[in-house]
Amino acid sequence: MAEAPKSASLVERLDALYEYEREPVQEKDLHGWKIFWATFAGENIAGTEFVIGPLFVMHGCTATAVLLGLLIGNFLAVLSWALICAPIAVKTRLTQYWQLRKLGGPWLTVAYSCAYGMIMCVLAGAMVRVSMTSIALPFEHHVAPPGAELGVLPGWAWVVLAVAVGSVIAVLAVLGFEGMAIFSKMSAPWMVVVFLIAAVAALSMLGCHSPGDFWRVANEKIWTGRVEPGWSRFTIWHVIAFAWLCNMPQHFGMGDMTILRYARKWQMGFCSAAGMYLGHYGAWVASGILCAAAIARGVPTDPGPIAYLGAGLVGALCVVVAGWNVASPTLYRAGLALQVATPNWRRWLVTLVVGGGMIICACIPALIRHLDLMVTTNALVILPLGAFIFIDVRLFPKIGLKSNYAGTARSLISWPAAAAWILSVIGSIIAFERGANPIFLVLPEWLVSVVLYVVFSFAQQKFFAAAPSPAPAASN
């Protein structure tokens, strides 16, 4: 990372925050194990955990479905990061956006980057709203979230709070990978302790006073199998699929090439276990317990109120930090993505502009209630192009096809990649319209897109490639 002189202006200092947007990361800027343990833990012991954990309660999961399903699903997720994403990230040292440009051409890259950037912006907005459910607690009579007493549109106080919280998150994202990693390293261990304390306190409210009481309370008062009004039923297969596939855009979809390109070894992809088992297991279980206690006491099930119920002001503060820990790297990814579509803008400027969109999204009430649908929609839209990166780097050299064909041929767009992307997404939309659960469409779409891309690329390179011009006849 370049360093600006002490006398430099603010803009010059921001320009010096170089994140290797268009070239491989250099050896001197690679990081070791501690950074990645902290990064994965910080991002996955975070705001989404206060939302997703309660979803299993509301959807009527049983205790066995949650505790066993999360064990299996998170194991599959760790393997996906370590064996699919990390080796590609370490081999190329590029962001997925720039690697996609080499295989798909600039037009396809811009289309993907815009779609990915906007989805990341929406997800970051959801995390801002998570933080705000805690910050608004002391002002609950003055700061009502949109969709509550003040109607669908947010009140002015909520907007002011969204701007304040979103500005802090945007600054963290502008600092880049290293700044976010340091913040995660400091906050992750503390958040684990808060989640544990809050869950233990909530268990006592539900009548669990010894370890022997836990299984009875878990089945009778937490994951009872009863679906809350207005929610659909989840089984153990839903839990396994969601735990594995909710982050599929990051591992199967290659989104975390952006982070793992800084890793010294591909084995650092196993650091994802810190996030999966402390966050997507422990924290989801803990927040589910908090949700059940809130329902029993008539407390709103928003993240802020349930954390305050379990751990008081410390719990409320944990929700604020947790929202930041997800929103900042999400906004960082969005800034890198949209910079591809705005190549003359610096990353920090794009990140700040996207931060404005994040703040607007934070004022939309449906972002939390339908977070599970948003996560799977995110996966269905952008997943195929990540599959193409994996296949292009890993498979093509082994079957006699050229990698990075669009870049080599100087094509504006790779029609095999574009056609495979469009057709696989259309297939998922048709299946969804016919009643298929989007959670179960993610993996089939990945497989379909891979097959289509290989077939179309074979046709392009073996049958439709321009024949080389014949050599001129030698003159006598």
Protein backbone atom coordinates (compact mmCIF):
# COMPACT_ATOMS: atom_id res chain seq x y z
CA MET A 1 0.00 0.00 0.00
CA ALA A 2 1.43 3.35 -1.02
CA GLU A 3 2.07 6.00 1.61
CA ALA A 4 1.21 9.64 1.09
CA PRO A 5 3.62 12.32 2.38
CA LYS A 6 2.63 13.98 5.67
CA SER A 7 1.95 17.28 3.91
CA ALA A 8 -0.43 15.67 1.38
CA SER A 9 -4.03 16.76 1.07
CA LEU A 10 -6.93 14.54 2.18
CA VAL A 11 -7.62 13.49 -1.42
CA GLU A 12 -3.95 12.55 -1.94
CA ARG A 13 -4.00 10.51 1.26
CA LEU A 14 -7.14 8.69 0.13
CA ASP A 15 -5.60 8.02 -3.28
CA ALA A 16 -2.67 6.37 -1.48
CA LEU A 17 -5.02 3.68 -0.09
CA TYR A 18 -4.24 1.43 -3.05
CA GLU A 19 -5.87 -2.02 -2.96
CA TYR A 20 -4.45 -3.65 -6.12
CA GLU A 21 -7.74 -3.13 -7.93
CA ARG A 22 -6.36 -4.08 -11.37
CA GLU A 23 -3.21 -6.12 -10.76
CA PRO A 24 -2.04 -9.06 -8.63
CA VAL A 25 -1.24 -8.41 -4.97
CA GLN A 26 2.49 -8.16 -4.40
CA GLU A 27 4.41 -10.45 -2.06
CA LYS A 28 5.20 -7.66 0.40
CA ASP A 29 1.51 -7.08 1.14
CA LEU A 30 0.50 -10.69 1.83
CA HIS A 31 -0.81 -11.61 5.28
CA GLY A 32 -0.58 -14.58 7.63
CA TRP A 33 -3.04 -16.73 9.56
CA LYS A 34 -4.04 -14.28 12.33
CA ILE A 35 -5.49 -11.73 9.93
CA PHE A 36 -7.73 -14.29 8.24
CA TRP A 37 -8.91 -15.91 11.48
CA ALA A 38 -9.92 -12.43 12.62
CA THR A 39 -11.42 -11.37 9.28
CA PHE A 40 -13.65 -14.42 8.92
CA ALA A 41 -14.64 -14.34 12.59
CA GLY A 42 -15.40 -10.62 12.56
CA GLU A 43 -17.50 -10.74 9.41
CA ASN A 44 -19.46 -13.83 10.45
CA ILE A 45 -19.97 -13.07 14.14
CA ALA A 46 -21.91 -10.05 13.11
CA GLY A 47 -25.17 -8.31 12.32
CA THR A 48 -26.64 -11.02 10.13
CA GLU A 49 -26.39 -13.47 13.03
CA PHE A 50 -28.93 -11.44 15.01
CA VAL A 51 -31.31 -11.77 12.05
CA ILE A 52 -30.74 -15.29 10.72
CA GLY A 53 -30.74 -17.10 14.08
CA PRO A 54 -34.30 -15.98 14.88
CA LEU A 55 -35.45 -17.04 11.38
CA PHE A 56 -35.09 -20.72 12.38
CA VAL A 57 -37.35 -20.08 15.36
CA MET A 58 -39.95 -18.26 13.27
CA HIS A 59 -39.87 -20.94 10.53
CA GLY A 60 -40.69 -23.69 13.01
CA CYS A 61 -37.43 -25.67 13.02
CA THR A 62 -36.92 -28.41 15.59
CA ALA A 63 -33.91 -28.44 17.94
CA THR A 64 -32.42 -31.44 16.11
CA ALA A 65 -32.83 -29.73 12.74
CA VAL A 66 -31.01 -26.61 13.93
CA LEU A 67 -28.17 -28.13 15.95
CA LEU A 68 -27.37 -30.98 13.54
CA GLY A 69 -28.20 -29.11 10.33
CA LEU A 70 -25.88 -26.22 11.21
CA LEU A 71 -23.08 -28.65 12.06
CA ILE A 72 -23.26 -30.28 8.63
CA GLY A 73 -23.98 -27.17 6.55
CA ASN A 74 -21.17 -25.12 8.05
CA PHE A 75 -18.69 -27.96 7.50
CA LEU A 76 -19.58 -27.96 3.80
CA ALA A 77 -19.13 -24.19 3.71
CA VAL A 78 -15.61 -24.39 5.21
CA LEU A 79 -14.62 -26.99 2.61
CA SER A 80 -15.98 -24.74 -0.14
CA TRP A 81 -13.83 -21.80 0.95
CA ALA A 82 -10.71 -23.91 1.43
CA LEU A 83 -10.92 -26.11 -1.65
CA ILE A 84 -12.77 -23.93 -4.19
CA CYS A 85 -12.14 -20.22 -3.56
CA ALA A 86 -8.81 -19.97 -1.72
CA PRO A 87 -6.66 -21.89 -4.27
CA ILE A 88 -7.95 -19.71 -7.12
CA ALA A 89 -7.42 -16.50 -5.12
CA VAL A 90 -3.84 -17.43 -4.22
CA LYS A 91 -3.05 -18.57 -7.76
CA THR A 92 -4.28 -15.41 -9.50
CA ARG A 93 -3.88 -12.78 -6.70
CA LEU A 94 -6.63 -10.80 -8.48
CA THR A 95 -10.10 -9.62 -7.49
CA GLN A 96 -12.86 -11.71 -9.03
CA TYR A 97 -13.86 -8.65 -11.08
CA TRP A 98 -10.52 -8.39 -12.85
CA GLN A 99 -10.20 -12.14 -13.30
CA LEU A 100 -13.69 -12.18 -14.82
CA ARG A 101 -12.66 -9.42 -17.21
CA LYS A 102 -9.90 -11.66 -18.56
CA LEU A 103 -12.27 -14.53 -19.32
CA GLY A 104 -15.53 -12.66 -20.07
CA GLY A 105 -14.47 -9.36 -21.60
CA PRO A 106 -15.17 -5.81 -20.38
CA TRP A 107 -18.90 -5.69 -21.20
CA LEU A 108 -19.74 -8.82 -19.24
CA THR A 109 -17.55 -7.63 -16.38
CA VAL A 110 -19.38 -4.32 -16.18
CA ALA A 111 -22.76 -6.09 -16.16
CA TYR A 112 -21.63 -8.47 -13.41
CA SER A 113 -19.94 -5.73 -11.38
CA CYS A 114 -23.02 -3.51 -11.47
CA ALA A 115 -25.29 -6.38 -10.40
CA TYR A 116 -22.89 -7.51 -7.67
CA GLY A 117 -22.21 -3.99 -6.45
CA MET A 118 -25.91 -3.16 -6.14
CA ILE A 119 -26.66 -6.41 -4.29
CA MET A 120 -23.78 -5.78 -1.89
CA CYS A 121 -25.09 -2.25 -1.37
CA VAL A 122 -28.52 -3.63 -0.38
CA LEU A 123 -26.97 -6.18 2.01
CA ALA A 124 -24.82 -3.47 3.59
CA GLY A 125 -27.96 -1.37 4.04
CA ALA A 126 -29.60 -4.27 5.88
CA MET A 127 -26.63 -4.36 8.26
CA VAL A 128 -26.82 -0.61 8.86
CA ARG A 129 -30.42 -1.17 9.86
CA VAL A 130 -29.32 -3.94 12.24
CA SER A 131 -26.96 -1.53 14.01
CA MET A 132 -29.66 1.13 14.13
CA THR A 133 -32.09 -1.14 15.97
CA SER A 134 -29.68 -0.84 18.92
CA ILE A 135 -28.69 2.80 18.58
CA ALA A 136 -32.36 3.80 18.40
CA LEU A 137 -33.22 2.09 21.72
CA PRO A 138 -32.67 5.18 23.94
CA PHE A 139 -34.72 7.26 21.48
CA GLU A 140 -37.52 4.76 20.83
CA HIS A 141 -40.20 7.43 21.33
CA HIS A 142 -38.54 9.73 18.80
CA VAL A 143 -36.82 7.37 16.32
CA ALA A 144 -39.31 4.90 14.89
CA PRO A 145 -38.09 2.53 12.17
CA PRO A 146 -39.87 2.71 8.81
CA GLY A 147 -42.90 0.46 8.82
CA ALA A 148 -43.63 1.06 12.52
CA GLU A 149 -45.81 3.82 14.02
CA LEU A 150 -44.77 6.40 11.47
CA GLY A 151 -45.89 4.34 8.47
CA VAL A 152 -43.94 2.97 5.52
CA LEU A 153 -41.64 5.95 4.97
CA PRO A 154 -38.94 6.73 7.57
CA GLY A 155 -39.18 9.74 9.84
CA TRP A 156 -36.54 12.44 9.77
CA ALA A 157 -34.91 11.19 12.98
CA TRP A 158 -34.44 7.71 11.51
CA VAL A 159 -32.86 9.22 8.37
CA VAL A 160 -30.43 11.31 10.45
CA LEU A 161 -29.45 8.21 12.42
CA ALA A 162 -28.99 6.21 9.19
CA VAL A 163 -26.67 8.90 7.81
CA ALA A 164 -24.60 8.93 11.01
CA VAL A 165 -24.23 5.15 11.25
CA GLY A 166 -23.71 4.71 7.50
CA SER A 167 -20.97 7.35 7.46
CA VAL A 168 -18.94 5.45 10.07
CA ILE A 169 -19.29 2.23 8.08
CA ALA A 170 -18.27 3.96 4.84
CA VAL A 171 -15.11 5.32 6.49
CA LEU A 172 -14.16 1.83 7.67
CA ALA A 173 -14.68 0.48 4.14
CA VAL A 174 -12.55 3.28 2.62
CA LEU A 175 -9.64 2.26 4.87
CA GLY A 176 -9.44 -0.96 2.86
CA PHE A 177 -8.68 -4.58 3.72
CA GLU A 178 -6.04 -3.93 6.35
CA GLY A 179 -8.11 -1.38 8.28
CA MET A 180 -11.15 -3.68 8.35
CA ALA A 181 -9.02 -6.64 9.42
CA ILE A 182 -7.62 -4.69 12.38
CA PHE A 183 -11.16 -3.70 13.45
CA SER A 184 -12.31 -7.34 13.20
CA LYS A 185 -9.27 -8.56 15.13
CA MET A 186 -10.14 -6.26 18.02
CA SER A 187 -13.91 -6.85 18.10
CA ALA A 188 -14.41 -10.54 17.24
CA PRO A 189 -13.27 -12.12 20.57
CA TRP A 190 -15.39 -9.68 22.57
CA MET A 191 -18.49 -10.38 20.46
CA VAL A 192 -18.15 -14.15 21.01
CA VAL A 193 -18.26 -13.57 24.78
CA VAL A 194 -21.28 -11.24 24.52
CA PHE A 195 -23.24 -13.73 22.42
CA LEU A 196 -22.50 -16.48 24.96
CA ILE A 197 -23.45 -14.37 27.99
CA ALA A 198 -26.67 -13.15 26.35
CA ALA A 199 -27.69 -16.71 25.40
CA VAL A 200 -27.07 -18.03 28.94
CA ALA A 201 -29.10 -15.17 30.41
CA ALA A 202 -31.96 -15.82 27.97
CA LEU A 203 -31.95 -19.56 28.80
CA SER A 204 -32.57 -18.76 32.45
CA MET A 205 -35.57 -16.64 31.41
CA LEU A 206 -36.95 -19.70 29.59
CA GLY A 207 -36.60 -21.96 32.64
CA CYS A 208 -33.23 -23.57 31.89
CA HIS A 209 -31.27 -23.54 35.16
CA SER A 210 -28.83 -26.41 34.56
CA PRO A 211 -27.19 -28.19 31.58
CA GLY A 212 -29.63 -31.03 32.07
CA ASP A 213 -32.55 -28.69 31.39
CA PHE A 214 -31.24 -27.54 28.02
CA TRP A 215 -32.60 -30.22 25.71
CA ARG A 216 -36.06 -30.03 27.25
CA VAL A 217 -36.18 -26.23 27.02
CA ALA A 218 -34.73 -26.27 23.50
CA ASN A 219 -37.56 -28.52 22.26
CA GLU A 220 -40.39 -27.03 24.31
CA LYS A 221 -39.63 -23.29 24.23
CA ILE A 222 -37.04 -22.44 21.54
CA TRP A 223 -37.06 -24.65 18.43
CA THR A 224 -40.50 -26.09 19.04
CA GLY A 225 -41.41 -27.02 15.47
CA ARG A 226 -44.30 -24.52 15.57
CA VAL A 227 -44.34 -22.13 12.62
CA GLU A 228 -45.08 -18.50 13.51
CA PRO A 229 -48.03 -16.92 11.63
CA GLY A 230 -47.01 -15.71 8.17
CA TRP A 231 -43.88 -17.90 7.95
CA SER A 232 -43.18 -21.13 6.02
CA ARG A 233 -41.83 -24.37 7.54
CA PHE A 234 -38.10 -25.17 7.54
CA THR A 235 -36.75 -28.74 7.89
CA ILE A 236 -33.21 -29.97 8.58
CA TRP A 237 -32.57 -29.85 4.81
CA HIS A 238 -33.41 -26.14 4.76
CA VAL A 239 -31.00 -25.56 7.65
CA ILE A 240 -28.16 -27.52 5.99
CA ALA A 241 -28.72 -25.80 2.65
CA PHE A 242 -28.92 -22.33 4.17
CA ALA A 243 -25.81 -22.77 6.35
CA TRP A 244 -23.82 -24.02 3.34
CA LEU A 245 -25.25 -21.83 0.62
CA CYS A 246 -25.97 -18.49 2.29
CA ASN A 247 -22.33 -17.54 1.64
CA MET A 248 -22.12 -19.38 -1.67
CA PRO A 249 -21.44 -16.13 -3.61
CA GLN A 250 -18.34 -15.73 -1.45
CA HIS A 251 -16.91 -19.26 -1.84
CA PHE A 252 -18.42 -21.07 -4.85
CA GLY A 253 -19.08 -17.69 -6.45
CA MET A 254 -15.47 -16.52 -5.84
CA GLY A 255 -16.49 -13.30 -4.07
CA ASP A 256 -13.84 -13.80 -1.39
CA MET A 257 -11.07 -13.79 -3.95
CA THR A 258 -11.14 -10.10 -3.00
CA ILE A 259 -10.05 -11.03 0.54
CA LEU A 260 -8.11 -14.26 0.08
CA ARG A 261 -5.85 -12.83 -2.65
CA TYR A 262 -3.89 -11.40 0.31
CA ALA A 263 -3.31 -14.88 1.84
CA ARG A 264 0.19 -16.36 1.81
CA LYS A 265 -1.18 -19.90 1.41
CA TRP A 266 -4.40 -21.37 0.05
CA GLN A 267 -4.78 -23.36 3.28
CA MET A 268 -5.80 -20.10 4.95
CA GLY A 269 -9.21 -20.71 3.44
CA PHE A 270 -9.75 -23.05 6.41
CA CYS A 271 -9.80 -19.91 8.59
CA SER A 272 -13.42 -19.66 7.46
CA ALA A 273 -14.12 -22.22 10.22
CA ALA A 274 -13.79 -19.37 12.73
CA GLY A 275 -16.70 -17.59 11.12
CA MET A 276 -18.78 -20.69 10.45
CA TYR A 277 -18.61 -22.29 13.87
CA LEU A 278 -18.32 -19.26 16.14
CA GLY A 279 -20.72 -17.22 14.01
CA HIS A 280 -22.94 -19.34 11.80
CA TYR A 281 -23.26 -22.00 14.49
CA GLY A 282 -22.74 -20.50 17.92
CA ALA A 283 -24.12 -17.04 17.20
CA TRP A 284 -27.12 -18.33 15.22
CA VAL A 285 -27.99 -20.67 18.09
CA ALA A 286 -27.51 -17.87 20.63
CA SER A 287 -29.67 -15.38 18.74
CA GLY A 288 -32.35 -18.06 18.30
CA ILE A 289 -32.44 -18.49 22.07
CA LEU A 290 -32.69 -14.69 22.47
CA CYS A 291 -35.56 -14.59 19.95
CA ALA A 292 -37.50 -17.27 21.86
CA ALA A 293 -37.02 -15.37 25.13
CA ALA A 294 -38.21 -12.15 23.46
CA ILE A 295 -41.34 -13.85 22.10
CA ALA A 296 -42.08 -15.29 25.56
CA ARG A 297 -41.78 -11.83 27.16
CA GLY A 298 -43.55 -9.89 24.42
CA VAL A 299 -40.39 -8.01 23.39
CA PRO A 300 -39.88 -7.03 19.71
CA THR A 301 -37.67 -9.55 17.90
CA ASP A 302 -35.49 -6.94 16.17
CA PRO A 303 -31.73 -7.43 16.81
CA GLY A 304 -31.34 -4.47 19.19
CA PRO A 305 -34.19 -5.34 21.58
CA ILE A 306 -33.31 -9.05 21.81
CA ALA A 307 -29.61 -8.32 22.49
CA TYR A 308 -30.56 -5.74 25.12
CA LEU A 309 -32.87 -8.31 26.72
CA GLY A 310 -30.02 -10.78 27.09
CA ALA A 311 -27.00 -8.58 27.87
CA GLY A 312 -28.23 -5.05 28.53
CA LEU A 313 -26.21 -2.15 27.17
CA VAL A 314 -23.28 -4.42 26.30
CA GLY A 315 -25.60 -6.51 24.14
CA ALA A 316 -26.95 -3.42 22.42
CA LEU A 317 -23.38 -2.24 21.73
CA CYS A 318 -22.54 -5.69 20.36
CA VAL A 319 -25.33 -5.32 17.78
CA VAL A 320 -23.89 -1.98 16.66
CA VAL A 321 -20.38 -3.39 16.20
CA ALA A 322 -21.76 -6.55 14.62
CA GLY A 323 -23.59 -4.53 11.97
CA TRP A 324 -20.41 -2.60 11.21
CA ASN A 325 -18.37 -5.81 10.90
CA VAL A 326 -20.57 -7.03 8.04
CA ALA A 327 -21.48 -3.74 6.40
CA SER A 328 -17.89 -2.47 6.03
CA PRO A 329 -16.44 -5.45 4.08
CA THR A 330 -19.68 -5.69 2.12
CA LEU A 331 -19.39 -2.04 1.13
CA TYR A 332 -15.68 -2.60 0.37
CA ARG A 333 -16.63 -5.36 -2.09
CA ALA A 334 -19.30 -3.13 -3.64
CA GLY A 335 -16.78 -0.33 -4.14
CA LEU A 336 -14.29 -2.66 -5.84
CA ALA A 337 -17.06 -4.09 -8.03
CA LEU A 338 -18.45 -0.77 -9.21
CA GLN A 339 -14.98 0.65 -9.82
CA VAL A 340 -14.79 -1.69 -12.81
CA ALA A 341 -17.78 0.18 -14.27
CA THR A 342 -16.26 3.57 -13.33
CA PRO A 343 -12.58 3.03 -14.19
CA ASN A 344 -11.59 6.68 -13.89
CA TRP A 345 -12.84 6.92 -10.29
CA ARG A 346 -10.68 6.04 -7.31
CA ARG A 347 -11.84 3.15 -5.11
CA TRP A 348 -12.43 5.39 -2.10
CA LEU A 349 -14.69 7.71 -4.12
CA VAL A 350 -16.74 4.83 -5.52
CA THR A 351 -17.04 3.37 -2.01
CA LEU A 352 -18.38 6.65 -0.62
CA VAL A 353 -20.92 6.98 -3.45
CA VAL A 354 -22.10 3.41 -2.86
CA GLY A 355 -22.31 4.28 0.83
CA GLY A 356 -25.03 6.76 -0.05
CA GLY A 357 -27.05 3.96 -1.63
CA MET A 358 -26.43 1.83 1.46
CA ILE A 359 -27.94 4.53 3.68
CA ILE A 360 -31.06 4.69 1.49
CA CYS A 361 -31.44 0.91 1.73
CA ALA A 362 -31.19 1.13 5.53
CA CYS A 363 -34.54 2.93 5.53
CA ILE A 364 -36.38 0.04 3.83
CA PRO A 365 -38.13 -2.20 6.42
CA ALA A 366 -38.33 -5.36 4.27
CA LEU A 367 -34.54 -5.76 4.26
CA ILE A 368 -34.48 -7.56 7.61
CA ARG A 369 -37.70 -9.55 7.41
CA HIS A 370 -36.77 -11.00 4.01
CA LEU A 371 -33.00 -11.29 4.54
CA ASP A 372 -33.03 -15.04 3.82
CA LEU A 373 -34.71 -14.43 0.44
CA MET A 374 -32.26 -11.60 -0.32
CA VAL A 375 -29.27 -13.81 0.41
CA THR A 376 -30.46 -16.62 -1.87
CA THR A 377 -31.45 -14.17 -4.62
CA ASN A 378 -27.96 -12.70 -4.40
CA ALA A 379 -26.52 -16.17 -4.90
CA LEU A 380 -28.78 -17.04 -7.84
CA VAL A 381 -28.00 -13.84 -9.77
CA ILE A 382 -24.22 -13.65 -9.47
CA LEU A 383 -23.17 -17.24 -8.73
CA PRO A 384 -22.70 -18.53 -12.32
CA LEU A 385 -19.94 -16.05 -13.15
CA GLY A 386 -17.95 -17.21 -10.14
CA ALA A 387 -18.35 -20.75 -11.42
CA PHE A 388 -16.84 -19.65 -14.73
CA ILE A 389 -13.72 -18.36 -12.97
CA PHE A 390 -13.20 -21.70 -11.23
CA ILE A 391 -13.72 -23.71 -14.41
CA ASP A 392 -11.60 -21.36 -16.54
CA VAL A 393 -8.61 -21.55 -14.18
CA ARG A 394 -8.87 -25.18 -13.04
CA LEU A 395 -10.53 -27.22 -15.78
CA PHE A 396 -9.83 -25.59 -19.14
CA PRO A 397 -6.04 -26.26 -19.21
CA LYS A 398 -6.76 -29.94 -18.48
CA ILE A 399 -9.26 -30.43 -21.33
CA GLY A 400 -7.40 -28.55 -24.03
CA LEU A 401 -9.31 -25.26 -23.85
CA LYS A 402 -7.67 -21.85 -23.51
CA SER A 403 -8.14 -19.90 -20.29
CA ASN A 404 -8.89 -16.17 -20.41
CA TYR A 405 -10.06 -16.55 -24.00
CA ALA A 406 -11.86 -13.19 -24.23
CA GLY A 407 -8.77 -11.35 -23.02
CA THR A 408 -6.48 -13.19 -25.43
CA ALA A 409 -8.86 -12.64 -28.37
CA ARG A 410 -9.50 -9.01 -27.29
CA SER A 411 -13.25 -9.66 -27.32
CA LEU A 412 -15.60 -7.12 -25.75
CA ILE A 413 -17.74 -9.96 -24.41
CA SER A 414 -17.51 -13.74 -24.13
CA TRP A 415 -20.70 -15.12 -25.62
CA PRO A 416 -20.26 -18.56 -23.96
CA ALA A 417 -20.13 -16.90 -20.52
CA ALA A 418 -22.98 -14.49 -21.28
CA ALA A 419 -25.23 -17.22 -22.70
CA ALA A 420 -24.51 -19.66 -19.85
CA TRP A 421 -25.18 -16.92 -17.27
CA ILE A 422 -28.48 -15.81 -18.79
CA LEU A 423 -29.80 -19.33 -19.43
CA SER A 424 -28.94 -20.66 -15.95
CA VAL A 425 -30.55 -17.66 -14.22
CA ILE A 426 -33.66 -17.95 -16.43
CA GLY A 427 -33.89 -21.63 -15.51
CA SER A 428 -33.80 -20.75 -11.80
CA ILE A 429 -36.47 -18.08 -12.26
CA ILE A 430 -38.76 -20.58 -14.01
CA ALA A 431 -38.20 -23.15 -11.24
CA PHE A 432 -38.92 -20.50 -8.60
CA GLU A 433 -42.13 -19.46 -10.36
CA ARG A 434 -43.23 -23.11 -10.29
CA GLY A 435 -42.84 -23.24 -6.52
CA ALA A 436 -39.23 -24.36 -5.95
CA ASN A 437 -37.60 -23.02 -2.79
CA PRO A 438 -34.74 -20.70 -3.85
CA ILE A 439 -32.47 -22.22 -1.20
CA PHE A 440 -32.50 -25.51 -3.12
CA LEU A 441 -31.89 -23.85 -6.50
CA VAL A 442 -28.43 -22.47 -5.77
CA LEU A 443 -26.35 -25.63 -6.19
CA PRO A 444 -28.25 -26.93 -9.26
CA GLU A 445 -27.81 -23.55 -10.93
CA TRP A 446 -24.05 -23.69 -10.29
CA LEU A 447 -23.85 -27.11 -11.91
CA VAL A 448 -26.02 -26.12 -14.88
CA SER A 449 -24.01 -22.97 -15.52
CA VAL A 450 -20.75 -24.96 -15.44
CA VAL A 451 -22.00 -27.49 -17.99
CA LEU A 452 -23.32 -24.76 -20.30
CA TYR A 453 -20.12 -22.74 -20.08
CA VAL A 454 -17.91 -25.73 -20.88
CA VAL A 455 -20.10 -26.78 -23.83
CA PHE A 456 -20.35 -23.26 -25.27
CA SER A 457 -16.61 -22.61 -24.77
CA PHE A 458 -15.74 -25.88 -26.50
CA ALA A 459 -17.95 -24.88 -29.42
CA GLN A 460 -16.40 -21.42 -29.58
CA GLN A 461 -12.78 -22.52 -29.43
CA LYS A 462 -13.04 -25.71 -31.52
CA PHE A 463 -15.65 -24.85 -34.16
CA PHE A 464 -16.22 -21.09 -34.33
CA ALA A 465 -12.73 -19.74 -33.68
CA ALA A 466 -11.36 -17.75 -36.58
CA ALA A 467 -9.08 -19.91 -38.66
CA PRO A 468 -5.52 -18.64 -38.95
CA SER A 469 -4.75 -16.84 -42.17
CA PRO A 470 -2.83 -19.03 -44.65
CA ALA A 471 0.79 -18.18 -45.05
CA PRO A 472 1.59 -16.37 -48.31
CA ALA A 473 2.94 -18.62 -51.05
CA ALA A 474 6.66 -18.43 -51.50
CA SER A 475 7.67 -16.67 -54.68
CA ASN A 476 10.03 -18.39 -57.06
